[in-house]
Amino acid sequence: MNDPLRMKRNKLLDGTILGALFDLDGVLVDTAKYHYLAWKRLAEELGFCFTEADNERLKGVSRLRSLEILLEVGHRSMNGEEKAAAAEKKNAWYVEYLSTLDTGALLPGSREYLEQLRLGGIKTALGSASKNAPLILERLGITPLFDAVIDGNLVSRAKPDPEVFLLGAEKLALPPGSCVVFEDSAAGIEAARAGGMRAIGVGRPENLPGAELYINSLQDLL
């Protein structure tokens, strides 16, 4: 770890931060490939191509909004009932792909950093749009490392709305200003800032405007 990063990391843990909220995909685990395979499979069934570049637009947004973006890409339309059926089909394929997930899928430093925070007395919460978050955490073996899990089953507004993170802070019984959010999407960074929280971007700075610190993975903070 270089010195500037070490100094910023120490500043994050200087006593002003009491809670850490984590996005799931791209921060703790890479399930994006499974999402992409399922969306691509749905697009192919509908008769059009859905590329990895197209898939970038789906990061950090809800399943229904992701479907709407996919339909925009393919210049297709569906009524509400058709959308519900298509979204359910995609999710069934995604869960099928998740059957191969295990602890080896954790991104570098994820478990170690969560354990370090908890040893330091910092509360932890998950803030994800995924309705499959509890299943994923169970397969990764890290459910006990969270004091609260806020997923797509508990919120109605997708990022960049701050609902998921504000609810996370509430579940931790902490004021938003004492929490830091770890995110890999621009929508997630915007949501954290809108909620009055500090934000750490996991990824390239040009893709995550508004974060106060950028890391490649949680491994950088160990």
C-alpha atoms as a PDB file:
ATOM      1  CA  MET A   1       0.000   0.000   0.000  1.00  0.00           C
ATOM      2  CA  ASN A   2       1.442   3.397  -0.854  1.00  0.00           C
ATOM      3  CA  ASP A   3       1.684   6.066   1.860  1.00  0.00           C
ATOM      4  CA  PRO A   4      -1.104   8.390   0.600  1.00  0.00           C
ATOM      5  CA  LEU A   5      -3.544   5.478   0.494  1.00  0.00           C
ATOM      6  CA  ARG A   6      -2.477   4.355   3.969  1.00  0.00           C
ATOM      7  CA  MET A   7      -3.030   7.869   5.326  1.00  0.00           C
ATOM      8  CA  LYS A   8      -6.506   8.071   3.798  1.00  0.00           C
ATOM      9  CA  ARG A   9      -7.361   4.620   5.083  1.00  0.00           C
ATOM     10  CA  ASN A  10      -6.309   5.604   8.600  1.00  0.00           C
ATOM     11  CA  LYS A  11      -8.367   8.799   8.322  1.00  0.00           C
ATOM     12  CA  LEU A  12     -11.438   6.720   7.496  1.00  0.00           C
ATOM     13  CA  LEU A  13     -11.019   4.833  10.754  1.00  0.00           C
ATOM     14  CA  ASP A  14     -10.239   7.890  12.897  1.00  0.00           C
ATOM     15  CA  GLY A  15     -13.327   7.583  15.071  1.00  0.00           C
ATOM     16  CA  THR A  16     -15.721   9.657  12.982  1.00  0.00           C
ATOM     17  CA  ILE A  17     -16.824   6.593  10.980  1.00  0.00           C
ATOM     18  CA  LEU A  18     -18.976   4.189  12.985  1.00  0.00           C
ATOM     19  CA  GLY A  19     -20.587   2.219  10.169  1.00  0.00           C
ATOM     20  CA  ALA A  20     -19.576   0.811   6.794  1.00  0.00           C
ATOM     21  CA  LEU A  21     -22.125  -0.026   4.097  1.00  0.00           C
ATOM     22  CA  PHE A  22     -21.172  -2.234   1.179  1.00  0.00           C
ATOM     23  CA  ASP A  23     -22.622  -2.770  -2.247  1.00  0.00           C
ATOM     24  CA  LEU A  24     -22.433  -6.430  -3.240  1.00  0.00           C
ATOM     25  CA  ASP A  25     -21.630  -6.948  -6.919  1.00  0.00           C
ATOM     26  CA  GLY A  26     -18.223  -5.583  -7.846  1.00  0.00           C
ATOM     27  CA  VAL A  27     -17.268  -4.772  -4.258  1.00  0.00           C
ATOM     28  CA  LEU A  28     -17.436  -8.047  -2.329  1.00  0.00           C
ATOM     29  CA  VAL A  29     -18.008 -10.515  -5.149  1.00  0.00           C
ATOM     30  CA  ASP A  30     -18.150 -10.490  -8.927  1.00  0.00           C
ATOM     31  CA  THR A  31     -21.546 -11.838  -9.903  1.00  0.00           C
ATOM     32  CA  ALA A  32     -21.845  -9.337 -12.735  1.00  0.00           C
ATOM     33  CA  LYS A  33     -20.868 -12.038 -15.218  1.00  0.00           C
ATOM     34  CA  TYR A  34     -23.836 -14.146 -14.133  1.00  0.00           C
ATOM     35  CA  HIS A  35     -26.196 -11.191 -14.480  1.00  0.00           C
ATOM     36  CA  TYR A  36     -24.812 -10.518 -17.926  1.00  0.00           C
ATOM     37  CA  LEU A  37     -25.186 -14.137 -19.045  1.00  0.00           C
ATOM     38  CA  ALA A  38     -28.816 -14.161 -17.904  1.00  0.00           C
ATOM     39  CA  TRP A  39     -29.685 -10.829 -19.545  1.00  0.00           C
ATOM     40  CA  LYS A  40     -27.866 -11.842 -22.726  1.00  0.00           C
ATOM     41  CA  ARG A  41     -29.824 -15.110 -22.786  1.00  0.00           C
ATOM     42  CA  LEU A  42     -33.091 -13.184 -22.447  1.00  0.00           C
ATOM     43  CA  ALA A  43     -32.114 -10.778 -25.243  1.00  0.00           C
ATOM     44  CA  GLU A  44     -31.244 -13.669 -27.538  1.00  0.00           C
ATOM     45  CA  GLU A  45     -34.609 -15.244 -26.805  1.00  0.00           C
ATOM     46  CA  LEU A  46     -36.227 -11.925 -27.768  1.00  0.00           C
ATOM     47  CA  GLY A  47     -34.207 -11.831 -30.982  1.00  0.00           C
ATOM     48  CA  PHE A  48     -31.524  -9.211 -30.471  1.00  0.00           C
ATOM     49  CA  CYS A  49     -27.924  -8.854 -29.295  1.00  0.00           C
ATOM     50  CA  PHE A  50     -27.035  -7.519 -25.852  1.00  0.00           C
ATOM     51  CA  THR A  51     -23.349  -6.665 -25.469  1.00  0.00           C
ATOM     52  CA  GLU A  52     -21.096  -6.237 -22.441  1.00  0.00           C
ATOM     53  CA  ALA A  53     -21.006  -2.514 -23.244  1.00  0.00           C
ATOM     54  CA  ASP A  54     -24.808  -2.445 -23.067  1.00  0.00           C
ATOM     55  CA  ASN A  55     -24.603  -4.291 -19.762  1.00  0.00           C
ATOM     56  CA  GLU A  56     -22.616  -1.432 -18.194  1.00  0.00           C
ATOM     57  CA  ARG A  57     -25.856   0.568 -18.089  1.00  0.00           C
ATOM     58  CA  LEU A  58     -27.354  -2.018 -15.740  1.00  0.00           C
ATOM     59  CA  LYS A  59     -24.854  -1.573 -12.904  1.00  0.00           C
ATOM     60  CA  GLY A  60     -26.444  -0.538  -9.631  1.00  0.00           C
ATOM     61  CA  VAL A  61     -30.043  -0.437 -10.872  1.00  0.00           C
ATOM     62  CA  SER A  62     -33.053  -2.600 -10.044  1.00  0.00           C
ATOM     63  CA  ARG A  63     -34.094  -5.720 -11.930  1.00  0.00           C
ATOM     64  CA  LEU A  64     -37.147  -4.027 -13.459  1.00  0.00           C
ATOM     65  CA  ARG A  65     -35.172  -0.979 -14.563  1.00  0.00           C
ATOM     66  CA  SER A  66     -32.504  -3.293 -15.987  1.00  0.00           C
ATOM     67  CA  LEU A  67     -35.180  -5.032 -18.039  1.00  0.00           C
ATOM     68  CA  GLU A  68     -36.448  -1.684 -19.303  1.00  0.00           C
ATOM     69  CA  ILE A  69     -32.915  -0.731 -20.387  1.00  0.00           C
ATOM     70  CA  LEU A  70     -32.501  -4.080 -22.141  1.00  0.00           C
ATOM     71  CA  LEU A  71     -35.788  -3.530 -23.993  1.00  0.00           C
ATOM     72  CA  GLU A  72     -34.622  -0.043 -25.004  1.00  0.00           C
ATOM     73  CA  VAL A  73     -31.453  -1.568 -26.445  1.00  0.00           C
ATOM     74  CA  GLY A  74     -33.484  -4.087 -28.441  1.00  0.00           C
ATOM     75  CA  HIS A  75     -36.203  -1.585 -29.427  1.00  0.00           C
ATOM     76  CA  ARG A  76     -38.799  -3.870 -27.868  1.00  0.00           C
ATOM     77  CA  SER A  77     -41.811  -3.153 -25.707  1.00  0.00           C
ATOM     78  CA  MET A  78     -43.744  -5.189 -23.134  1.00  0.00           C
ATOM     79  CA  ASN A  79     -46.784  -4.638 -20.978  1.00  0.00           C
ATOM     80  CA  GLY A  80     -46.579  -4.952 -17.196  1.00  0.00           C
ATOM     81  CA  GLU A  81     -47.471  -8.627 -17.090  1.00  0.00           C
ATOM     82  CA  GLU A  82     -44.927  -9.484 -19.782  1.00  0.00           C
ATOM     83  CA  LYS A  83     -42.236  -7.500 -17.959  1.00  0.00           C
ATOM     84  CA  ALA A  84     -42.905  -9.370 -14.723  1.00  0.00           C
ATOM     85  CA  ALA A  85     -42.651 -12.730 -16.504  1.00  0.00           C
ATOM     86  CA  ALA A  86     -39.460 -11.758 -18.342  1.00  0.00           C
ATOM     87  CA  ALA A  87     -37.806 -10.453 -15.168  1.00  0.00           C
ATOM     88  CA  GLU A  88     -38.718 -13.660 -13.331  1.00  0.00           C
ATOM     89  CA  LYS A  89     -37.295 -15.768 -16.157  1.00  0.00           C
ATOM     90  CA  LYS A  90     -34.049 -13.826 -16.089  1.00  0.00           C
ATOM     91  CA  ASN A  91     -33.810 -14.203 -12.317  1.00  0.00           C
ATOM     92  CA  ALA A  92     -34.377 -17.967 -12.518  1.00  0.00           C
ATOM     93  CA  TRP A  93     -31.471 -18.246 -14.956  1.00  0.00           C
ATOM     94  CA  TYR A  94     -29.323 -16.027 -12.713  1.00  0.00           C
ATOM     95  CA  VAL A  95     -30.047 -18.177  -9.634  1.00  0.00           C
ATOM     96  CA  GLU A  96     -29.206 -21.228 -11.726  1.00  0.00           C
ATOM     97  CA  TYR A  97     -25.804 -19.719 -12.547  1.00  0.00           C
ATOM     98  CA  LEU A  98     -25.289 -18.863  -8.856  1.00  0.00           C
ATOM     99  CA  SER A  99     -25.336 -22.571  -8.034  1.00  0.00           C
ATOM    100  CA  THR A 100     -21.626 -22.601  -8.914  1.00  0.00           C
ATOM    101  CA  LEU A 101     -20.823 -19.783  -6.458  1.00  0.00           C
ATOM    102  CA  ASP A 102     -18.647 -20.536  -3.428  1.00  0.00           C
ATOM    103  CA  THR A 103     -16.253 -18.804  -1.014  1.00  0.00           C
ATOM    104  CA  GLY A 104     -13.609 -18.685  -3.730  1.00  0.00           C
ATOM    105  CA  ALA A 105     -15.681 -16.072  -5.551  1.00  0.00           C
ATOM    106  CA  LEU A 106     -15.013 -13.417  -2.897  1.00  0.00           C
ATOM    107  CA  LEU A 107     -13.026 -10.509  -4.288  1.00  0.00           C
ATOM    108  CA  PRO A 108      -9.539  -9.913  -2.816  1.00  0.00           C
ATOM    109  CA  GLY A 109      -9.560  -8.637   0.750  1.00  0.00           C
ATOM    110  CA  SER A 110     -13.344  -8.801   1.191  1.00  0.00           C
ATOM    111  CA  ARG A 111     -13.545 -11.184   4.141  1.00  0.00           C
ATOM    112  CA  GLU A 112     -10.398  -9.835   5.776  1.00  0.00           C
ATOM    113  CA  TYR A 113     -11.517  -6.206   5.591  1.00  0.00           C
ATOM    114  CA  LEU A 114     -14.989  -6.982   6.955  1.00  0.00           C
ATOM    115  CA  GLU A 115     -13.398  -8.876   9.836  1.00  0.00           C
ATOM    116  CA  GLN A 116     -10.982  -6.016  10.471  1.00  0.00           C
ATOM    117  CA  LEU A 117     -13.789  -3.453  10.630  1.00  0.00           C
ATOM    118  CA  ARG A 118     -15.793  -5.532  13.075  1.00  0.00           C
ATOM    119  CA  LEU A 119     -12.761  -6.083  15.292  1.00  0.00           C
ATOM    120  CA  GLY A 120     -12.378  -2.306  15.308  1.00  0.00           C
ATOM    121  CA  GLY A 121     -15.947  -1.840  16.539  1.00  0.00           C
ATOM    122  CA  ILE A 122     -17.330  -0.560  13.242  1.00  0.00           C
ATOM    123  CA  LYS A 123     -20.793  -1.816  12.330  1.00  0.00           C
ATOM    124  CA  THR A 124     -21.312  -3.282   8.862  1.00  0.00           C
ATOM    125  CA  ALA A 125     -24.294  -3.458   6.542  1.00  0.00           C
ATOM    126  CA  LEU A 126     -24.982  -4.593   3.013  1.00  0.00           C
ATOM    127  CA  GLY A 127     -26.832  -2.189   0.719  1.00  0.00           C
ATOM    128  CA  SER A 128     -27.681  -3.909  -2.546  1.00  0.00           C
ATOM    129  CA  ALA A 129     -30.427  -3.730  -5.154  1.00  0.00           C
ATOM    130  CA  SER A 130     -30.176  -7.507  -5.543  1.00  0.00           C
ATOM    131  CA  LYS A 131     -33.103  -9.528  -4.212  1.00  0.00           C
ATOM    132  CA  ASN A 132     -30.757 -12.520  -4.165  1.00  0.00           C
ATOM    133  CA  ALA A 133     -28.307 -10.895  -1.749  1.00  0.00           C
ATOM    134  CA  PRO A 134     -29.083 -13.208   1.218  1.00  0.00           C
ATOM    135  CA  LEU A 135     -28.524 -16.283  -0.973  1.00  0.00           C
ATOM    136  CA  ILE A 136     -25.242 -14.894  -2.292  1.00  0.00           C
ATOM    137  CA  LEU A 137     -23.973 -13.998   1.193  1.00  0.00           C
ATOM    138  CA  GLU A 138     -24.832 -17.493   2.388  1.00  0.00           C
ATOM    139  CA  ARG A 139     -22.963 -19.154  -0.470  1.00  0.00           C
ATOM    140  CA  LEU A 140     -19.967 -16.889   0.168  1.00  0.00           C
ATOM    141  CA  GLY A 141     -20.023 -17.743   3.878  1.00  0.00           C
ATOM    142  CA  ILE A 142     -20.020 -14.115   5.048  1.00  0.00           C
ATOM    143  CA  THR A 143     -23.556 -13.618   6.374  1.00  0.00           C
ATOM    144  CA  PRO A 144     -22.315 -13.422  10.021  1.00  0.00           C
ATOM    145  CA  LEU A 145     -20.038 -10.505   9.088  1.00  0.00           C
ATOM    146  CA  PHE A 146     -23.001  -8.133   8.624  1.00  0.00           C
ATOM    147  CA  ASP A 147     -25.088  -6.446  11.298  1.00  0.00           C
ATOM    148  CA  ALA A 148     -27.786  -5.634   8.732  1.00  0.00           C
ATOM    149  CA  VAL A 149     -28.655  -6.695   5.192  1.00  0.00           C
ATOM    150  CA  ILE A 150     -30.698  -4.294   3.057  1.00  0.00           C
ATOM    151  CA  ASP A 151     -31.592  -5.751  -0.324  1.00  0.00           C
ATOM    152  CA  GLY A 152     -34.074  -5.315  -3.145  1.00  0.00           C
ATOM    153  CA  ASN A 153     -36.794  -6.963  -1.079  1.00  0.00           C
ATOM    154  CA  LEU A 154     -36.736  -4.102   1.435  1.00  0.00           C
ATOM    155  CA  VAL A 155     -36.512  -1.015  -0.774  1.00  0.00           C
ATOM    156  CA  SER A 156     -38.682   0.383  -3.528  1.00  0.00           C
ATOM    157  CA  ARG A 157     -36.415   3.074  -4.970  1.00  0.00           C
ATOM    158  CA  ALA A 158     -33.265   2.188  -6.893  1.00  0.00           C
ATOM    159  CA  LYS A 159     -29.925   3.959  -6.690  1.00  0.00           C
ATOM    160  CA  PRO A 160     -29.113   6.847  -7.171  1.00  0.00           C
ATOM    161  CA  ASP A 161     -31.941   7.301  -4.672  1.00  0.00           C
ATOM    162  CA  PRO A 162     -30.287   6.956  -1.236  1.00  0.00           C
ATOM    163  CA  GLU A 163     -33.086   4.809   0.252  1.00  0.00           C
ATOM    164  CA  VAL A 164     -31.035   1.598   0.499  1.00  0.00           C
ATOM    165  CA  PHE A 165     -28.174   3.302   2.346  1.00  0.00           C
ATOM    166  CA  LEU A 166     -30.382   5.436   4.588  1.00  0.00           C
ATOM    167  CA  LEU A 167     -32.243   2.297   5.633  1.00  0.00           C
ATOM    168  CA  GLY A 168     -28.906   0.610   6.247  1.00  0.00           C
ATOM    169  CA  ALA A 169     -27.794   3.427   8.551  1.00  0.00           C
ATOM    170  CA  GLU A 170     -31.156   3.236  10.299  1.00  0.00           C
ATOM    171  CA  LYS A 171     -30.797  -0.520  10.851  1.00  0.00           C
ATOM    172  CA  LEU A 172     -27.344   0.099  12.300  1.00  0.00           C
ATOM    173  CA  ALA A 173     -28.846   2.811  14.551  1.00  0.00           C
ATOM    174  CA  LEU A 174     -26.310   5.321  13.220  1.00  0.00           C
ATOM    175  CA  PRO A 175     -26.621   8.817  11.722  1.00  0.00           C
ATOM    176  CA  PRO A 176     -25.840   8.824   7.975  1.00  0.00           C
ATOM    177  CA  GLY A 177     -22.938  11.214   8.466  1.00  0.00           C
ATOM    178  CA  SER A 178     -21.078   8.606  10.514  1.00  0.00           C
ATOM    179  CA  CYS A 179     -21.227   6.020   7.714  1.00  0.00           C
ATOM    180  CA  VAL A 180     -19.032   5.302   4.704  1.00  0.00           C
ATOM    181  CA  VAL A 181     -20.257   3.521   1.579  1.00  0.00           C
ATOM    182  CA  PHE A 182     -18.190   1.217  -0.653  1.00  0.00           C
ATOM    183  CA  GLU A 183     -19.517   1.246  -4.233  1.00  0.00           C
ATOM    184  CA  ASP A 184     -18.460   0.289  -7.761  1.00  0.00           C
ATOM    185  CA  SER A 185     -21.201   2.158  -9.647  1.00  0.00           C
ATOM    186  CA  ALA A 186     -21.730   5.844 -10.381  1.00  0.00           C
ATOM    187  CA  ALA A 187     -25.362   5.484  -9.263  1.00  0.00           C
ATOM    188  CA  GLY A 188     -24.183   4.048  -5.957  1.00  0.00           C
ATOM    189  CA  ILE A 189     -21.698   6.848  -5.323  1.00  0.00           C
ATOM    190  CA  GLU A 190     -24.411   9.388  -6.098  1.00  0.00           C
ATOM    191  CA  ALA A 191     -26.788   7.593  -3.722  1.00  0.00           C
ATOM    192  CA  ALA A 192     -24.230   7.642  -0.909  1.00  0.00           C
ATOM    193  CA  ARG A 193     -23.567  11.349  -1.335  1.00  0.00           C
ATOM    194  CA  ALA A 194     -27.285  12.117  -1.566  1.00  0.00           C
ATOM    195  CA  GLY A 195     -27.721  10.310   1.747  1.00  0.00           C
ATOM    196  CA  GLY A 196     -25.064  12.440   3.420  1.00  0.00           C
ATOM    197  CA  MET A 197     -22.492   9.666   3.613  1.00  0.00           C
ATOM    198  CA  ARG A 198     -18.868   9.440   2.608  1.00  0.00           C
ATOM    199  CA  ALA A 199     -18.178   7.330  -0.459  1.00  0.00           C
ATOM    200  CA  ILE A 200     -15.305   5.108  -1.530  1.00  0.00           C
ATOM    201  CA  GLY A 201     -15.190   4.110  -5.183  1.00  0.00           C
ATOM    202  CA  VAL A 202     -14.098   0.589  -6.052  1.00  0.00           C
ATOM    203  CA  GLY A 203     -12.853   1.078  -9.587  1.00  0.00           C
ATOM    204  CA  ARG A 204     -11.537   3.762 -11.894  1.00  0.00           C
ATOM    205  CA  PRO A 205     -12.003   7.418 -10.808  1.00  0.00           C
ATOM    206  CA  GLU A 206     -13.313   8.482 -14.218  1.00  0.00           C
ATOM    207  CA  ASN A 207     -16.174   6.000 -13.876  1.00  0.00           C
ATOM    208  CA  LEU A 208     -17.060   6.946 -10.291  1.00  0.00           C
ATOM    209  CA  PRO A 209     -17.248  10.732  -9.918  1.00  0.00           C
ATOM    210  CA  GLY A 210     -17.844  12.064  -6.443  1.00  0.00           C
ATOM    211  CA  ALA A 211     -15.994   9.498  -4.323  1.00  0.00           C
ATOM    212  CA  GLU A 212     -13.395  10.755  -1.878  1.00  0.00           C
ATOM    213  CA  LEU A 213     -11.110   7.736  -2.239  1.00  0.00           C
ATOM    214  CA  TYR A 214     -10.587   5.193  -5.014  1.00  0.00           C
ATOM    215  CA  ILE A 215      -9.366   1.632  -4.599  1.00  0.00           C
ATOM    216  CA  ASN A 216      -8.997  -1.362  -6.876  1.00  0.00           C
ATOM    217  CA  SER A 217     -10.363  -3.742  -4.231  1.00  0.00           C
ATOM    218  CA  LEU A 218     -10.775  -3.937  -0.461  1.00  0.00           C
ATOM    219  CA  GLN A 219      -7.354  -5.576  -0.426  1.00  0.00           C
ATOM    220  CA  ASP A 220      -5.917  -2.050  -0.848  1.00  0.00           C
ATOM    221  CA  LEU A 221      -7.216  -1.077   2.595  1.00  0.00           C
ATOM    222  CA  LEU A 222      -5.637  -3.925   4.551  1.00  0.00           C
END
